[in-house]
């Protein structure tokens, strides 16, 4: 079995897991006794659309990582399986969060939020670890444009993950019903700031590479 064949099979396995996760998300929707409930209580729709978009973005990240960066090492394979397991767990946490909103106490809502967002942060850490490992393994053989995109993605994760954790700590002291919305807003802000920082870091990297090439040529 060649590494290339194994990587293709590993990527295909990830596609199946992500597709199964989307199916689980749809199956988690419960038909209410009264149709009017779907209109008066729209938390289910927000959670569904939000998580569906997240999982789709995860598939895009999965494809991109395997297409350009992934190198099969024992640790990178472990991180990949961890990442896939966290995607499936995230779908379960959606159900836990919705059940807490519907039937749980304020404490239940806080704990459910911590589990949901903590699972998402753990996924991003695993995904970022795969990028870092791939960049180090490939070294200078990595296409410069791909390397710069990797830097942007890693910075985005490095900024967003702590922002979410800080938001969880702060919002856990306030009204529980606002926690999910507040953390989601903080996450978006973290992504924007992280992307800006990543662009700056990638630009600096490109200038450094250009300077080193010019020095070598001179």
N, C-alpha and C. Protein backbone atom coordinates (compact mmCIF):
# COMPACT_ATOMS: atom_id res chain seq x y z
N UNK A 1 0.85 -1.20 0.00
CA UNK A 1 0.00 0.00 0.00
C UNK A 1 0.88 1.24 0.00
N UNK A 2 0.74 2.12 -0.99
CA UNK A 2 1.53 3.33 -1.06
C UNK A 2 0.90 4.41 -0.20
N UNK A 3 1.72 5.40 0.17
CA UNK A 3 1.22 6.52 0.95
C UNK A 3 0.12 7.26 0.21
N UNK A 4 0.27 7.41 -1.11
CA UNK A 4 -0.73 8.12 -1.90
C UNK A 4 -2.08 7.41 -1.85
N UNK A 5 -2.07 6.12 -1.98
CA UNK A 5 -3.31 5.36 -1.93
C UNK A 5 -3.94 5.46 -0.54
N UNK A 6 -3.11 5.34 0.49
CA UNK A 6 -3.61 5.43 1.87
C UNK A 6 -4.22 6.80 2.14
N UNK A 7 -3.57 7.85 1.65
CA UNK A 7 -4.09 9.22 1.85
C UNK A 7 -5.43 9.38 1.17
N UNK A 8 -5.57 8.83 -0.04
CA UNK A 8 -6.85 8.91 -0.74
C UNK A 8 -7.94 8.19 0.04
N UNK A 9 -7.62 7.02 0.57
CA UNK A 9 -8.61 6.28 1.35
C UNK A 9 -8.97 7.02 2.65
N UNK A 10 -7.97 7.63 3.25
CA UNK A 10 -8.20 8.38 4.48
C UNK A 10 -9.08 9.59 4.22
N UNK A 11 -8.84 10.26 3.09
CA UNK A 11 -9.68 11.41 2.72
C UNK A 11 -11.11 10.96 2.44
N UNK A 12 -11.26 9.83 1.74
CA UNK A 12 -12.60 9.32 1.44
C UNK A 12 -13.34 8.94 2.73
N UNK A 13 -12.62 8.37 3.68
CA UNK A 13 -13.24 8.03 4.96
C UNK A 13 -13.75 9.29 5.65
N UNK A 14 -12.95 10.36 5.59
CA UNK A 14 -13.38 11.63 6.17
C UNK A 14 -14.62 12.18 5.49
N UNK A 15 -14.69 12.03 4.17
CA UNK A 15 -15.89 12.48 3.44
C UNK A 15 -17.13 11.75 3.94
N UNK A 16 -16.98 10.44 4.16
CA UNK A 16 -18.11 9.64 4.63
C UNK A 16 -18.54 10.10 6.03
N UNK A 17 -17.57 10.32 6.90
CA UNK A 17 -17.89 10.74 8.27
C UNK A 17 -18.59 12.10 8.27
N UNK A 18 -18.12 13.03 7.46
CA UNK A 18 -18.74 14.35 7.42
C UNK A 18 -20.14 14.27 6.82
N UNK A 19 -20.30 13.47 5.76
CA UNK A 19 -21.63 13.29 5.20
C UNK A 19 -22.58 12.65 6.19
N UNK A 20 -22.08 11.67 6.94
CA UNK A 20 -22.90 11.02 7.97
C UNK A 20 -23.28 12.02 9.05
N UNK A 21 -22.38 12.93 9.37
CA UNK A 21 -22.67 13.95 10.39
C UNK A 21 -23.81 14.87 9.93
N UNK A 22 -23.81 15.23 8.66
CA UNK A 22 -24.90 16.06 8.14
C UNK A 22 -26.23 15.30 8.18
N UNK A 23 -26.16 13.99 7.90
CA UNK A 23 -27.37 13.18 7.98
C UNK A 23 -27.88 13.12 9.42
N UNK A 24 -26.95 12.97 10.37
CA UNK A 24 -27.33 12.96 11.78
C UNK A 24 -27.96 14.28 12.19
N UNK A 25 -27.43 15.36 11.64
CA UNK A 25 -27.98 16.68 11.96
C UNK A 25 -29.43 16.78 11.51
N UNK A 26 -29.72 16.29 10.31
CA UNK A 26 -31.10 16.30 9.82
C UNK A 26 -31.99 15.38 10.65
N UNK A 27 -31.46 14.22 11.01
CA UNK A 27 -32.26 13.27 11.80
C UNK A 27 -32.51 13.76 13.22
N UNK A 28 -31.70 14.70 13.67
CA UNK A 28 -31.89 15.22 15.03
C UNK A 28 -33.09 16.15 15.12
N UNK A 29 -33.60 16.58 13.97
CA UNK A 29 -34.79 17.43 13.97
C UNK A 29 -36.01 16.61 14.38
N UNK A 30 -36.74 17.10 15.36
CA UNK A 30 -37.90 16.38 15.88
C UNK A 30 -39.18 17.04 15.39
N UNK A 31 -40.09 16.24 14.86
CA UNK A 31 -41.37 16.77 14.40
C UNK A 31 -42.22 17.12 15.63
N UNK A 32 -42.62 18.38 15.76
CA UNK A 32 -43.41 18.78 16.94
C UNK A 32 -44.86 18.32 16.84
N UNK A 33 -45.53 18.36 17.96
CA UNK A 33 -46.96 18.00 17.96
C UNK A 33 -47.80 19.04 17.24
N UNK A 34 -47.34 20.28 17.24
CA UNK A 34 -48.07 21.36 16.57
C UNK A 34 -47.12 22.12 15.65
N UNK A 35 -47.52 22.31 14.41
CA UNK A 35 -46.66 22.98 13.43
C UNK A 35 -46.34 24.41 13.84
N UNK A 36 -47.24 25.04 14.57
CA UNK A 36 -47.02 26.42 14.99
C UNK A 36 -45.79 26.56 15.88
N UNK A 37 -45.40 25.48 16.52
CA UNK A 37 -44.22 25.50 17.39
C UNK A 37 -42.97 25.83 16.60
N UNK A 38 -42.92 25.40 15.34
CA UNK A 38 -41.75 25.68 14.51
C UNK A 38 -41.59 27.16 14.24
N UNK A 39 -42.68 27.90 14.31
CA UNK A 39 -42.64 29.34 14.03
C UNK A 39 -42.40 30.13 15.32
N UNK A 40 -43.02 29.70 16.39
CA UNK A 40 -42.91 30.45 17.64
C UNK A 40 -41.59 30.17 18.36
N UNK A 41 -41.00 29.00 18.14
CA UNK A 41 -39.72 28.66 18.74
C UNK A 41 -38.74 28.32 17.61
N UNK A 42 -37.93 29.30 17.26
CA UNK A 42 -37.05 29.14 16.10
C UNK A 42 -35.60 28.82 16.46
N UNK A 43 -35.35 28.45 17.71
CA UNK A 43 -33.98 28.10 18.10
C UNK A 43 -33.48 26.90 17.30
N UNK A 44 -34.38 25.97 16.98
CA UNK A 44 -34.00 24.78 16.21
C UNK A 44 -33.46 25.17 14.83
N UNK A 45 -34.09 26.19 14.21
CA UNK A 45 -33.66 26.61 12.88
C UNK A 45 -32.29 27.29 12.92
N UNK A 46 -32.10 28.15 13.91
CA UNK A 46 -30.80 28.82 14.05
C UNK A 46 -29.69 27.80 14.28
N UNK A 47 -29.95 26.83 15.17
CA UNK A 47 -28.94 25.81 15.47
C UNK A 47 -28.66 24.95 14.24
N UNK A 48 -29.72 24.63 13.50
CA UNK A 48 -29.56 23.78 12.31
C UNK A 48 -28.75 24.49 11.22
N UNK A 49 -29.15 25.71 10.90
CA UNK A 49 -28.45 26.45 9.83
C UNK A 49 -27.01 26.72 10.22
N UNK A 50 -26.80 27.15 11.46
CA UNK A 50 -25.45 27.45 11.96
C UNK A 50 -24.55 26.22 11.89
N UNK A 51 -25.03 25.10 12.40
CA UNK A 51 -24.21 23.89 12.44
C UNK A 51 -24.02 23.31 11.04
N UNK A 52 -25.04 23.38 10.20
CA UNK A 52 -24.90 22.91 8.82
C UNK A 52 -23.80 23.68 8.11
N UNK A 53 -23.79 25.01 8.28
CA UNK A 53 -22.76 25.83 7.66
C UNK A 53 -21.38 25.49 8.21
N UNK A 54 -21.30 25.26 9.52
CA UNK A 54 -20.03 24.89 10.13
C UNK A 54 -19.49 23.57 9.56
N UNK A 55 -20.36 22.57 9.47
CA UNK A 55 -19.92 21.26 8.98
C UNK A 55 -19.51 21.35 7.51
N UNK A 56 -20.23 22.14 6.73
CA UNK A 56 -19.84 22.33 5.32
C UNK A 56 -18.47 22.98 5.21
N UNK A 57 -18.21 23.96 6.07
CA UNK A 57 -16.89 24.60 6.07
C UNK A 57 -15.82 23.62 6.52
N UNK A 58 -16.19 22.72 7.42
CA UNK A 58 -15.25 21.68 7.87
C UNK A 58 -14.90 20.74 6.72
N UNK A 59 -15.89 20.42 5.89
CA UNK A 59 -15.59 19.58 4.73
C UNK A 59 -14.64 20.30 3.79
N UNK A 60 -14.87 21.60 3.57
CA UNK A 60 -13.97 22.36 2.71
C UNK A 60 -12.55 22.36 3.25
N UNK A 61 -12.42 22.53 4.55
CA UNK A 61 -11.10 22.50 5.19
C UNK A 61 -10.47 21.11 5.06
N UNK A 62 -11.29 20.08 5.23
CA UNK A 62 -10.81 18.69 5.10
C UNK A 62 -10.27 18.43 3.70
N UNK A 63 -11.02 18.85 2.69
CA UNK A 63 -10.59 18.66 1.31
C UNK A 63 -9.29 19.41 1.03
N UNK A 64 -9.24 20.69 1.46
CA UNK A 64 -8.08 21.52 1.17
C UNK A 64 -6.83 20.98 1.85
N UNK A 65 -6.98 20.54 3.09
CA UNK A 65 -5.84 20.00 3.83
C UNK A 65 -5.27 18.77 3.13
N UNK A 66 -6.14 17.86 2.71
CA UNK A 66 -5.66 16.65 2.05
C UNK A 66 -5.16 16.94 0.63
N UNK A 67 -5.71 17.93 0.01
CA UNK A 67 -5.30 18.26 -1.37
C UNK A 67 -3.89 18.87 -1.41
N UNK A 68 -3.55 19.68 -0.44
CA UNK A 68 -2.32 20.45 -0.54
C UNK A 68 -1.31 20.21 0.58
N UNK A 69 -1.75 19.80 1.76
CA UNK A 69 -0.85 19.87 2.92
C UNK A 69 -0.60 18.53 3.60
N UNK A 70 -1.60 17.68 3.68
CA UNK A 70 -1.53 16.50 4.55
C UNK A 70 -0.37 15.58 4.18
N UNK A 71 0.34 15.15 5.23
CA UNK A 71 1.40 14.16 5.10
C UNK A 71 1.11 13.05 6.12
N UNK A 72 1.03 11.79 5.66
CA UNK A 72 0.65 10.70 6.59
C UNK A 72 1.77 10.33 7.56
N UNK A 73 1.67 10.82 8.77
CA UNK A 73 2.54 10.41 9.86
C UNK A 73 1.64 9.88 10.98
N UNK A 74 2.17 9.12 11.90
CA UNK A 74 1.31 8.61 12.98
C UNK A 74 0.55 9.69 13.72
N UNK A 75 1.21 10.81 14.00
CA UNK A 75 0.53 11.87 14.75
C UNK A 75 -0.50 12.59 13.91
N UNK A 76 -0.19 12.84 12.62
CA UNK A 76 -1.16 13.53 11.76
C UNK A 76 -2.39 12.65 11.52
N UNK A 77 -2.19 11.34 11.42
CA UNK A 77 -3.32 10.41 11.27
C UNK A 77 -4.18 10.43 12.53
N UNK A 78 -3.52 10.45 13.68
CA UNK A 78 -4.25 10.54 14.95
C UNK A 78 -5.05 11.83 15.03
N UNK A 79 -4.45 12.95 14.64
CA UNK A 79 -5.16 14.23 14.67
C UNK A 79 -6.34 14.23 13.70
N UNK A 80 -6.17 13.58 12.56
CA UNK A 80 -7.26 13.52 11.59
C UNK A 80 -8.44 12.74 12.15
N UNK A 81 -8.18 11.60 12.77
CA UNK A 81 -9.26 10.82 13.37
C UNK A 81 -9.91 11.60 14.53
N UNK A 82 -9.09 12.31 15.29
CA UNK A 82 -9.62 13.13 16.38
C UNK A 82 -10.55 14.20 15.84
N UNK A 83 -10.12 14.84 14.77
CA UNK A 83 -10.93 15.89 14.15
C UNK A 83 -12.27 15.35 13.66
N UNK A 84 -12.25 14.20 13.02
CA UNK A 84 -13.49 13.60 12.53
C UNK A 84 -14.41 13.20 13.67
N UNK A 85 -13.82 12.64 14.73
CA UNK A 85 -14.62 12.28 15.89
C UNK A 85 -15.29 13.49 16.53
N UNK A 86 -14.59 14.61 16.54
CA UNK A 86 -15.14 15.83 17.12
C UNK A 86 -16.29 16.40 16.27
N UNK A 87 -16.22 16.19 14.95
CA UNK A 87 -17.32 16.64 14.09
C UNK A 87 -18.60 15.89 14.44
N UNK A 88 -18.49 14.57 14.60
CA UNK A 88 -19.66 13.77 14.97
C UNK A 88 -20.16 14.18 16.36
N UNK A 89 -19.23 14.40 17.28
CA UNK A 89 -19.61 14.79 18.64
C UNK A 89 -20.29 16.15 18.64
N UNK A 90 -19.88 17.03 17.73
CA UNK A 90 -20.50 18.36 17.65
C UNK A 90 -21.99 18.25 17.34
N UNK A 91 -22.36 17.31 16.48
CA UNK A 91 -23.76 17.12 16.15
C UNK A 91 -24.55 16.68 17.37
N UNK A 92 -23.95 15.81 18.17
CA UNK A 92 -24.61 15.38 19.41
C UNK A 92 -24.77 16.57 20.36
N UNK A 93 -23.77 17.43 20.41
CA UNK A 93 -23.83 18.58 21.31
C UNK A 93 -24.90 19.58 20.88
N UNK A 94 -25.22 19.61 19.59
CA UNK A 94 -26.33 20.45 19.13
C UNK A 94 -27.63 19.99 19.79
N UNK A 95 -27.83 18.67 19.81
CA UNK A 95 -29.04 18.13 20.42
C UNK A 95 -29.07 18.41 21.93
N UNK A 96 -27.91 18.28 22.57
CA UNK A 96 -27.83 18.57 24.00
C UNK A 96 -28.17 20.03 24.27
N UNK A 97 -27.65 20.92 23.42
CA UNK A 97 -27.90 22.35 23.60
C UNK A 97 -29.37 22.69 23.41
N UNK A 98 -29.98 22.15 22.38
CA UNK A 98 -31.40 22.41 22.13
C UNK A 98 -32.28 21.85 23.26
N UNK A 99 -31.93 20.68 23.76
CA UNK A 99 -32.70 20.09 24.85
C UNK A 99 -32.56 20.94 26.13
N UNK A 100 -31.37 21.49 26.33
CA UNK A 100 -31.15 22.34 27.50
C UNK A 100 -31.99 23.62 27.40
N UNK A 101 -32.05 24.19 26.20
CA UNK A 101 -32.87 25.39 26.00
C UNK A 101 -34.35 25.09 26.25
N UNK A 102 -34.76 23.90 25.84
CA UNK A 102 -36.18 23.56 25.92
C UNK A 102 -36.61 23.14 27.33
N UNK A 103 -35.80 22.31 27.98
CA UNK A 103 -36.24 21.71 29.23
C UNK A 103 -35.33 21.98 30.42
N UNK A 104 -34.12 22.41 30.17
CA UNK A 104 -33.14 22.52 31.24
C UNK A 104 -33.21 23.82 32.02
N UNK A 105 -32.42 23.85 33.08
CA UNK A 105 -32.29 25.05 33.90
C UNK A 105 -31.24 25.96 33.30
N UNK A 106 -31.04 27.12 33.93
CA UNK A 106 -30.02 28.06 33.45
C UNK A 106 -28.64 27.41 33.48
N UNK A 107 -28.39 26.63 34.51
CA UNK A 107 -27.10 25.94 34.63
C UNK A 107 -26.93 24.92 33.51
N UNK A 108 -28.00 24.23 33.16
CA UNK A 108 -27.94 23.26 32.06
C UNK A 108 -27.57 23.96 30.74
N UNK A 109 -28.15 25.12 30.51
CA UNK A 109 -27.87 25.87 29.28
C UNK A 109 -26.40 26.28 29.24
N UNK A 110 -25.87 26.73 30.36
CA UNK A 110 -24.47 27.14 30.42
C UNK A 110 -23.54 25.96 30.13
N UNK A 111 -23.80 24.82 30.79
CA UNK A 111 -22.97 23.64 30.59
C UNK A 111 -23.07 23.15 29.14
N UNK A 112 -24.27 23.16 28.59
CA UNK A 112 -24.46 22.72 27.20
C UNK A 112 -23.69 23.62 26.24
N UNK A 113 -23.71 24.92 26.49
CA UNK A 113 -22.93 25.85 25.66
C UNK A 113 -21.44 25.57 25.78
N UNK A 114 -20.99 25.33 26.99
CA UNK A 114 -19.56 25.05 27.18
C UNK A 114 -19.14 23.78 26.44
N UNK A 115 -20.00 22.77 26.44
CA UNK A 115 -19.69 21.53 25.74
C UNK A 115 -19.69 21.73 24.23
N UNK A 116 -20.70 22.44 23.73
CA UNK A 116 -20.82 22.67 22.29
C UNK A 116 -19.63 23.47 21.76
N UNK A 117 -19.38 24.63 22.37
CA UNK A 117 -18.31 25.49 21.89
C UNK A 117 -16.94 24.91 22.19
N UNK A 118 -16.83 24.18 23.31
CA UNK A 118 -15.57 23.51 23.61
C UNK A 118 -15.23 22.46 22.58
N UNK A 119 -16.25 21.75 22.11
CA UNK A 119 -16.05 20.74 21.06
C UNK A 119 -15.57 21.41 19.77
N UNK A 120 -16.15 22.55 19.46
CA UNK A 120 -15.75 23.28 18.25
C UNK A 120 -14.32 23.78 18.35
N UNK A 121 -13.94 24.30 19.51
CA UNK A 121 -12.57 24.76 19.73
C UNK A 121 -11.58 23.60 19.59
N UNK A 122 -11.93 22.46 20.18
CA UNK A 122 -11.06 21.27 20.09
C UNK A 122 -10.88 20.84 18.63
N UNK A 123 -11.97 20.92 17.85
CA UNK A 123 -11.88 20.58 16.42
C UNK A 123 -10.89 21.50 15.72
N UNK A 124 -11.00 22.80 15.97
CA UNK A 124 -10.12 23.76 15.31
C UNK A 124 -8.66 23.55 15.70
N UNK A 125 -8.42 23.20 16.97
CA UNK A 125 -7.05 22.94 17.39
C UNK A 125 -6.48 21.74 16.64
N UNK A 126 -7.29 20.69 16.49
CA UNK A 126 -6.85 19.51 15.73
C UNK A 126 -6.60 19.87 14.27
N UNK A 127 -7.52 20.65 13.68
CA UNK A 127 -7.36 21.05 12.28
C UNK A 127 -6.12 21.92 12.10
N UNK A 128 -5.89 22.85 13.03
CA UNK A 128 -4.70 23.68 12.95
C UNK A 128 -3.43 22.88 13.12
N UNK A 129 -3.48 21.87 14.01
CA UNK A 129 -2.32 21.00 14.19
C UNK A 129 -1.97 20.25 12.92
N UNK A 130 -2.99 19.81 12.18
CA UNK A 130 -2.73 19.12 10.91
C UNK A 130 -2.03 20.05 9.91
N UNK A 131 -2.44 21.31 9.88
CA UNK A 131 -1.81 22.27 8.97
C UNK A 131 -0.35 22.50 9.34
N UNK A 132 -0.09 22.69 10.63
CA UNK A 132 1.28 22.93 11.08
C UNK A 132 2.17 21.73 10.79
N UNK A 133 1.66 20.53 11.06
CA UNK A 133 2.45 19.32 10.79
C UNK A 133 2.73 19.18 9.30
N UNK A 134 1.72 19.46 8.47
CA UNK A 134 1.92 19.36 7.03
C UNK A 134 2.93 20.36 6.51
N UNK A 135 2.87 21.59 7.04
CA UNK A 135 3.82 22.62 6.61
C UNK A 135 5.25 22.23 6.98
N UNK A 136 5.42 21.70 8.17
CA UNK A 136 6.77 21.31 8.60
C UNK A 136 7.28 20.11 7.82
N UNK A 137 6.39 19.17 7.53
CA UNK A 137 6.81 17.96 6.81
C UNK A 137 7.17 18.27 5.37
N UNK A 138 6.42 19.14 4.74
CA UNK A 138 6.66 19.44 3.33
C UNK A 138 7.77 20.47 3.15
N UNK A 139 7.92 21.35 4.13
CA UNK A 139 9.02 22.31 4.07
C UNK A 139 8.97 23.20 2.84
N UNK A 140 10.10 23.33 2.17
CA UNK A 140 10.20 24.22 1.02
C UNK A 140 9.52 23.64 -0.22
N UNK A 141 9.13 22.37 -0.18
CA UNK A 141 8.44 21.79 -1.34
C UNK A 141 7.00 22.28 -1.44
N UNK A 142 6.52 22.92 -0.37
CA UNK A 142 5.17 23.45 -0.37
C UNK A 142 5.10 24.68 -1.26
N UNK A 143 4.09 24.72 -2.13
CA UNK A 143 3.91 25.87 -3.02
C UNK A 143 3.77 27.14 -2.19
N UNK A 144 4.47 28.22 -2.53
CA UNK A 144 4.43 29.44 -1.71
C UNK A 144 3.03 29.96 -1.43
N UNK A 145 2.17 29.93 -2.44
CA UNK A 145 0.81 30.42 -2.25
C UNK A 145 0.05 29.55 -1.24
N UNK A 146 0.27 28.24 -1.32
CA UNK A 146 -0.37 27.33 -0.36
C UNK A 146 0.19 27.56 1.03
N UNK A 147 1.49 27.79 1.13
CA UNK A 147 2.10 28.05 2.43
C UNK A 147 1.52 29.31 3.07
N UNK A 148 1.31 30.34 2.26
CA UNK A 148 0.73 31.59 2.79
C UNK A 148 -0.71 31.37 3.25
N UNK A 149 -1.46 30.57 2.50
CA UNK A 149 -2.84 30.25 2.92
C UNK A 149 -2.84 29.45 4.22
N UNK A 150 -1.86 28.56 4.36
CA UNK A 150 -1.74 27.80 5.62
C UNK A 150 -1.48 28.74 6.79
N UNK A 151 -0.60 29.69 6.58
CA UNK A 151 -0.30 30.66 7.64
C UNK A 151 -1.56 31.43 8.03
N UNK A 152 -2.33 31.85 7.04
CA UNK A 152 -3.58 32.57 7.33
C UNK A 152 -4.55 31.71 8.13
N UNK A 153 -4.70 30.45 7.73
CA UNK A 153 -5.63 29.55 8.42
C UNK A 153 -5.17 29.28 9.85
N UNK A 154 -3.89 29.07 10.04
CA UNK A 154 -3.37 28.81 11.38
C UNK A 154 -3.57 30.02 12.28
N UNK A 155 -3.29 31.21 11.77
CA UNK A 155 -3.51 32.42 12.54
C UNK A 155 -4.98 32.61 12.89
N UNK A 156 -5.85 32.29 11.94
CA UNK A 156 -7.29 32.42 12.19
C UNK A 156 -7.71 31.54 13.36
N UNK A 157 -7.19 30.32 13.39
CA UNK A 157 -7.51 29.41 14.49
C UNK A 157 -6.87 29.89 15.79
N UNK A 158 -5.60 30.34 15.70
CA UNK A 158 -4.86 30.75 16.89
C UNK A 158 -5.51 31.93 17.59
N UNK A 159 -6.20 32.78 16.82
CA UNK A 159 -6.88 33.93 17.42
C UNK A 159 -8.29 33.57 17.85
N UNK A 160 -9.01 32.83 17.01
CA UNK A 160 -10.43 32.56 17.28
C UNK A 160 -10.64 31.64 18.48
N UNK A 161 -9.82 30.60 18.61
CA UNK A 161 -10.00 29.64 19.70
C UNK A 161 -9.91 30.31 21.08
N UNK A 162 -8.89 31.13 21.37
CA UNK A 162 -8.86 31.80 22.67
C UNK A 162 -10.01 32.79 22.86
N UNK A 163 -10.44 33.43 21.77
CA UNK A 163 -11.55 34.37 21.86
C UNK A 163 -12.82 33.64 22.31
N UNK A 164 -13.07 32.46 21.74
CA UNK A 164 -14.25 31.68 22.13
C UNK A 164 -14.16 31.26 23.60
N UNK A 165 -12.98 30.79 24.01
CA UNK A 165 -12.80 30.38 25.41
C UNK A 165 -13.04 31.55 26.35
N UNK A 166 -12.49 32.71 26.02
CA UNK A 166 -12.69 33.90 26.85
C UNK A 166 -14.16 34.29 26.89
N UNK A 167 -14.82 34.21 25.74
CA UNK A 167 -16.25 34.55 25.68
C UNK A 167 -17.08 33.60 26.53
N UNK A 168 -16.72 32.32 26.53
CA UNK A 168 -17.43 31.35 27.36
C UNK A 168 -17.28 31.68 28.85
N UNK A 169 -16.08 32.03 29.24
CA UNK A 169 -15.82 32.35 30.65
C UNK A 169 -16.61 33.58 31.08
N UNK A 170 -16.61 34.59 30.22
CA UNK A 170 -17.29 35.85 30.57
C UNK A 170 -18.80 35.68 30.55
N UNK A 171 -19.34 35.06 29.50
CA UNK A 171 -20.79 34.95 29.37
C UNK A 171 -21.41 33.97 30.35
N UNK A 172 -20.61 33.05 30.89
CA UNK A 172 -21.16 32.11 31.87
C UNK A 172 -21.60 32.81 33.15
N UNK A 173 -21.18 34.06 33.31
CA UNK A 173 -21.57 34.82 34.51
C UNK A 173 -22.81 35.66 34.26
N UNK A 174 -23.29 35.70 33.01
CA UNK A 174 -24.45 36.51 32.68
C UNK A 174 -25.67 35.67 32.39
N UNK A 175 -26.68 36.27 31.73
CA UNK A 175 -27.91 35.53 31.39
C UNK A 175 -27.61 34.35 30.47
N UNK A 176 -28.09 33.19 30.82
CA UNK A 176 -27.77 31.98 30.06
C UNK A 176 -28.37 31.99 28.66
N UNK A 177 -29.55 32.66 28.51
CA UNK A 177 -30.22 32.61 27.22
C UNK A 177 -29.50 33.45 26.16
N UNK A 178 -28.58 34.33 26.58
CA UNK A 178 -27.83 35.14 25.62
C UNK A 178 -26.46 34.54 25.31
N UNK A 179 -26.11 33.48 25.98
CA UNK A 179 -24.75 32.95 25.91
C UNK A 179 -24.37 32.50 24.50
N UNK A 180 -25.21 31.70 23.87
CA UNK A 180 -24.89 31.15 22.55
C UNK A 180 -24.73 32.26 21.51
N UNK A 181 -25.64 33.23 21.53
CA UNK A 181 -25.57 34.33 20.57
C UNK A 181 -24.32 35.16 20.77
N UNK A 182 -24.00 35.46 22.03
CA UNK A 182 -22.82 36.27 22.33
C UNK A 182 -21.54 35.57 21.92
N UNK A 183 -21.44 34.28 22.22
CA UNK A 183 -20.24 33.53 21.84
C UNK A 183 -20.11 33.45 20.32
N UNK A 184 -21.23 33.26 19.63
CA UNK A 184 -21.20 33.20 18.16
C UNK A 184 -20.69 34.51 17.57
N UNK A 185 -21.15 35.63 18.12
CA UNK A 185 -20.68 36.94 17.64
C UNK A 185 -19.19 37.10 17.90
N UNK A 186 -18.76 36.70 19.10
CA UNK A 186 -17.33 36.77 19.43
C UNK A 186 -16.51 35.89 18.50
N UNK A 187 -17.06 34.73 18.13
CA UNK A 187 -16.35 33.84 17.21
C UNK A 187 -16.15 34.51 15.86
N UNK A 188 -17.20 35.15 15.35
CA UNK A 188 -17.10 35.84 14.06
C UNK A 188 -16.06 36.95 14.13
N UNK A 189 -16.08 37.71 15.23
CA UNK A 189 -15.08 38.78 15.41
C UNK A 189 -13.68 38.19 15.46
N UNK A 190 -13.52 37.05 16.17
CA UNK A 190 -12.22 36.40 16.24
C UNK A 190 -11.73 35.94 14.88
N UNK A 191 -12.65 35.42 14.07
CA UNK A 191 -12.28 34.98 12.72
C UNK A 191 -11.80 36.15 11.88
N UNK A 192 -12.51 37.27 11.97
CA UNK A 192 -12.13 38.47 11.20
C UNK A 192 -10.76 38.97 11.62
N UNK A 193 -10.55 39.09 12.94
CA UNK A 193 -9.26 39.56 13.44
C UNK A 193 -8.15 38.57 13.09
N UNK A 194 -8.44 37.27 13.26
CA UNK A 194 -7.45 36.25 12.94
C UNK A 194 -7.08 36.25 11.47
N UNK A 195 -8.08 36.46 10.61
CA UNK A 195 -7.81 36.50 9.18
C UNK A 195 -6.94 37.70 8.83
N UNK A 196 -7.22 38.83 9.48
CA UNK A 196 -6.40 40.03 9.25
C UNK A 196 -4.97 39.79 9.69
N UNK A 197 -4.80 39.21 10.89
CA UNK A 197 -3.46 38.90 11.39
C UNK A 197 -2.76 37.89 10.48
N UNK A 198 -3.53 36.91 9.98
CA UNK A 198 -2.97 35.91 9.10
C UNK A 198 -2.51 36.50 7.77
N UNK A 199 -3.29 37.44 7.25
CA UNK A 199 -2.88 38.11 6.01
C UNK A 199 -1.58 38.87 6.21
N UNK A 200 -1.49 39.55 7.35
CA UNK A 200 -0.27 40.30 7.64
C UNK A 200 0.93 39.37 7.78
N UNK A 201 0.74 38.24 8.48
CA UNK A 201 1.82 37.27 8.66
C UNK A 201 2.22 36.64 7.33
N UNK A 202 1.23 36.34 6.48
CA UNK A 202 1.52 35.75 5.18
C UNK A 202 2.26 36.75 4.28
N UNK A 203 1.87 38.02 4.38
CA UNK A 203 2.55 39.06 3.60
C UNK A 203 4.00 39.20 4.04
N UNK A 204 4.22 39.17 5.35
CA UNK A 204 5.58 39.24 5.88
C UNK A 204 6.40 38.06 5.41
N UNK A 205 5.77 36.88 5.41
CA UNK A 205 6.46 35.67 4.95
C UNK A 205 6.85 35.79 3.48
N UNK A 206 5.93 36.33 2.67
CA UNK A 206 6.21 36.49 1.23
C UNK A 206 7.36 37.47 1.00
N UNK A 207 7.38 38.57 1.77
CA UNK A 207 8.47 39.54 1.64
C UNK A 207 9.80 38.92 2.03
N UNK A 208 9.80 38.11 3.11
CA UNK A 208 11.02 37.48 3.56
C UNK A 208 11.53 36.50 2.52
N UNK A 209 10.61 35.73 1.91
CA UNK A 209 11.01 34.79 0.87
C UNK A 209 11.55 35.51 -0.35
N UNK A 210 10.89 36.62 -0.70
CA UNK A 210 11.36 37.39 -1.86
C UNK A 210 12.73 37.97 -1.62
N UNK A 211 12.97 38.45 -0.39
CA UNK A 211 14.25 39.02 -0.06
C UNK A 211 15.36 37.97 -0.09
N UNK A 212 15.04 36.77 0.44
CA UNK A 212 16.05 35.71 0.45
C UNK A 212 16.38 35.25 -0.96
N UNK A 213 15.38 35.23 -1.85
CA UNK A 213 15.62 34.85 -3.25
C UNK A 213 16.49 35.88 -3.95
N UNK A 214 16.20 37.17 -3.70
CA UNK A 214 16.97 38.24 -4.32
C UNK A 214 18.41 38.21 -3.82
N UNK A 215 18.60 37.96 -2.53
CA UNK A 215 19.96 37.88 -1.97
C UNK A 215 20.71 36.72 -2.58
N UNK A 216 20.01 35.58 -2.76
CA UNK A 216 20.67 34.42 -3.35
C UNK A 216 21.04 34.69 -4.80
N UNK A 217 20.12 35.38 -5.52
CA UNK A 217 20.39 35.68 -6.92
C UNK A 217 21.52 36.66 -7.09
N UNK A 218 21.58 37.62 -6.12
CA UNK A 218 22.66 38.60 -6.21
C UNK A 218 24.00 37.98 -5.88
